[in-house]
């Protein structure tokens, strides 16, 4: 298994769940991956949102991507664990606004808008889960990136 395979799975199944912590309370919410490649898994959010505050205070996170299958097969999950890093890169944010023009409809005025936050998981580990390895999760092959 390679990081390229993990990125491909994430790009094909971009709706995911991201876990953070606030004090001693775990928080999880659905998120839409922007994209993944050999440099990491990229996301965006509104800078004032709680998820950004939680990741700035404690950047440790885990994301779960899911591809369903016809029952009784529960499908495949990709779990990605690592540290979130916020990117203040105007060119990257301009690309985001080209890729996702609906952000402008939400009030984002441009790549320098302080309301726009871009973050990525650039290092960590990723692994797949299926029913085939359900009781042997610790033995699942990990991709370190």
Protein backbone atom coordinates (compact mmCIF):
# COMPACT_ATOMS: atom_id res chain seq x y z
CA UNK A 1 0.00 0.00 0.00
CA UNK A 2 1.25 3.49 -0.86
CA UNK A 3 0.37 7.07 -0.02
CA UNK A 4 -0.70 7.47 -3.65
CA UNK A 5 -3.30 4.69 -3.16
CA UNK A 6 -4.53 6.34 0.03
CA UNK A 7 -4.82 9.73 -1.70
CA UNK A 8 -6.70 8.14 -4.62
CA UNK A 9 -9.20 6.53 -2.23
CA UNK A 10 -9.68 9.82 -0.36
CA UNK A 11 -10.18 11.81 -3.58
CA UNK A 12 -12.74 9.24 -4.79
CA UNK A 13 -14.55 9.32 -1.41
CA UNK A 14 -14.13 12.95 -0.28
CA UNK A 15 -16.87 13.05 2.35
CA UNK A 16 -15.14 12.11 5.56
CA UNK A 17 -15.34 12.53 9.31
CA UNK A 18 -12.74 14.52 11.21
CA UNK A 19 -12.08 14.11 14.92
CA UNK A 20 -10.77 16.83 17.20
CA UNK A 21 -10.78 17.39 20.93
CA UNK A 22 -12.04 20.31 23.00
CA UNK A 23 -10.77 20.03 26.54
CA UNK A 24 -11.56 16.43 27.40
CA UNK A 25 -14.52 16.21 25.00
CA UNK A 26 -14.02 14.46 21.64
CA UNK A 27 -15.66 16.21 18.68
CA UNK A 28 -16.40 14.71 15.28
CA UNK A 29 -18.09 16.13 12.23
CA UNK A 30 -18.48 15.43 8.54
CA UNK A 31 -16.09 17.28 6.27
CA UNK A 32 -15.43 17.46 2.55
CA UNK A 33 -11.83 16.83 1.57
CA UNK A 34 -10.54 19.44 -0.86
CA UNK A 35 -7.90 17.11 -2.32
CA UNK A 36 -5.15 14.69 -1.40
CA UNK A 37 -1.78 14.05 -3.04
CA UNK A 38 1.78 13.12 -2.08
CA UNK A 39 2.03 16.31 0.02
CA UNK A 40 -0.93 15.52 2.25
CA UNK A 41 -4.68 15.66 2.75
CA UNK A 42 -6.06 19.19 2.26
CA UNK A 43 -9.14 20.74 3.84
CA UNK A 44 -10.67 24.19 4.28
CA UNK A 45 -13.03 25.78 6.75
CA UNK A 46 -14.20 29.10 8.04
CA UNK A 47 -11.46 30.45 10.29
CA UNK A 48 -13.84 31.40 13.15
CA UNK A 49 -15.35 27.90 13.35
CA UNK A 50 -14.80 25.70 16.39
CA UNK A 51 -12.98 23.05 14.36
CA UNK A 52 -10.21 25.55 13.54
CA UNK A 53 -9.88 26.66 17.16
CA UNK A 54 -9.72 23.02 18.28
CA UNK A 55 -7.04 22.13 15.70
CA UNK A 56 -4.98 25.22 16.51
CA UNK A 57 -5.01 24.32 20.20
CA UNK A 58 -4.37 20.60 19.61
CA UNK A 59 -3.39 19.74 16.03
CA UNK A 60 -3.67 15.97 16.56
CA UNK A 61 -6.51 14.67 14.44
CA UNK A 62 -7.86 11.60 12.74
CA UNK A 63 -9.95 11.55 9.59
CA UNK A 64 -12.04 8.64 8.35
CA UNK A 65 -12.99 8.27 4.67
CA UNK A 66 -15.67 5.70 3.79
CA UNK A 67 -16.66 3.85 0.64
CA UNK A 68 -19.90 1.92 1.17
CA UNK A 69 -20.61 -1.44 -0.45
CA UNK A 70 -23.81 -3.42 -0.94
CA UNK A 71 -24.84 -5.13 2.29
CA UNK A 72 -23.92 -7.32 3.98
CA UNK A 73 -20.43 -5.95 3.13
CA UNK A 74 -19.99 -2.80 5.25
CA UNK A 75 -17.50 -1.31 2.79
CA UNK A 76 -14.02 0.09 3.22
CA UNK A 77 -12.66 2.83 5.44
CA UNK A 78 -9.41 4.75 5.21
CA UNK A 79 -8.23 6.23 8.48
CA UNK A 80 -5.65 9.01 8.42
CA UNK A 81 -4.05 10.16 11.67
CA UNK A 82 -1.61 13.02 12.02
CA UNK A 83 -1.20 16.68 12.88
CA UNK A 84 -3.12 19.42 11.12
CA UNK A 85 -1.07 22.34 9.90
CA UNK A 86 -2.64 25.61 8.79
CA UNK A 87 -1.37 27.05 5.53
CA UNK A 88 -1.33 30.78 4.89
CA UNK A 89 -0.46 30.52 1.21
CA UNK A 90 -2.22 33.05 -1.03
CA UNK A 91 -1.64 31.04 -4.22
CA UNK A 92 -3.06 27.91 -2.61
CA UNK A 93 -6.11 29.81 -1.37
CA UNK A 94 -6.61 31.35 -4.84
CA UNK A 95 -6.60 27.81 -6.28
CA UNK A 96 -9.17 26.78 -3.66
CA UNK A 97 -11.46 29.64 -4.71
CA UNK A 98 -11.13 28.55 -8.35
CA UNK A 99 -11.92 24.94 -7.43
CA UNK A 100 -14.78 25.86 -5.11
CA UNK A 101 -16.41 29.07 -6.34
CA UNK A 102 -19.34 28.55 -3.95
CA UNK A 103 -17.06 29.90 -1.21
CA UNK A 104 -17.41 33.36 -2.75
CA UNK A 105 -21.20 32.99 -2.49
CA UNK A 106 -20.66 32.35 1.22
CA UNK A 107 -18.94 35.72 1.60
CA UNK A 108 -15.25 34.88 1.09
CA UNK A 109 -13.89 37.95 -0.70
CA UNK A 110 -10.59 36.54 -1.97
CA UNK A 111 -7.50 34.52 -1.09
CA UNK A 112 -6.44 37.08 1.54
CA UNK A 113 -9.77 36.93 3.37
CA UNK A 114 -9.00 36.17 7.05
CA UNK A 115 -12.24 34.17 7.27
CA UNK A 116 -10.73 31.45 5.02
CA UNK A 117 -8.65 28.71 6.64
CA UNK A 118 -6.77 26.00 4.76
CA UNK A 119 -5.15 23.12 6.58
CA UNK A 120 -3.61 19.80 5.72
CA UNK A 121 -2.41 16.63 7.32
CA UNK A 122 1.09 16.45 5.86
CA UNK A 123 2.53 13.68 8.00
CA UNK A 124 1.19 10.81 9.98
CA UNK A 125 -0.09 7.38 9.09
CA UNK A 126 -2.92 5.94 7.05
CA UNK A 127 -4.49 2.51 6.92
CA UNK A 128 -7.49 0.75 5.44
CA UNK A 129 -10.17 -1.12 7.36
CA UNK A 130 -12.52 -3.79 6.04
CA UNK A 131 -14.38 -6.66 7.68
CA UNK A 132 -11.50 -8.88 6.57
CA UNK A 133 -9.23 -7.23 9.13
CA UNK A 134 -11.92 -6.27 11.65
CA UNK A 135 -10.47 -8.20 14.58
CA UNK A 136 -6.86 -7.60 13.54
CA UNK A 137 -6.78 -3.82 13.26
CA UNK A 138 -3.40 -3.55 14.99
CA UNK A 139 -1.95 -5.75 12.24
CA UNK A 140 -3.28 -3.55 9.43
CA UNK A 141 -0.57 -2.30 7.10
CA UNK A 142 0.21 1.35 7.81
CA UNK A 143 1.51 3.94 5.37
CA UNK A 144 3.68 6.46 7.12
CA UNK A 145 3.94 9.78 5.34
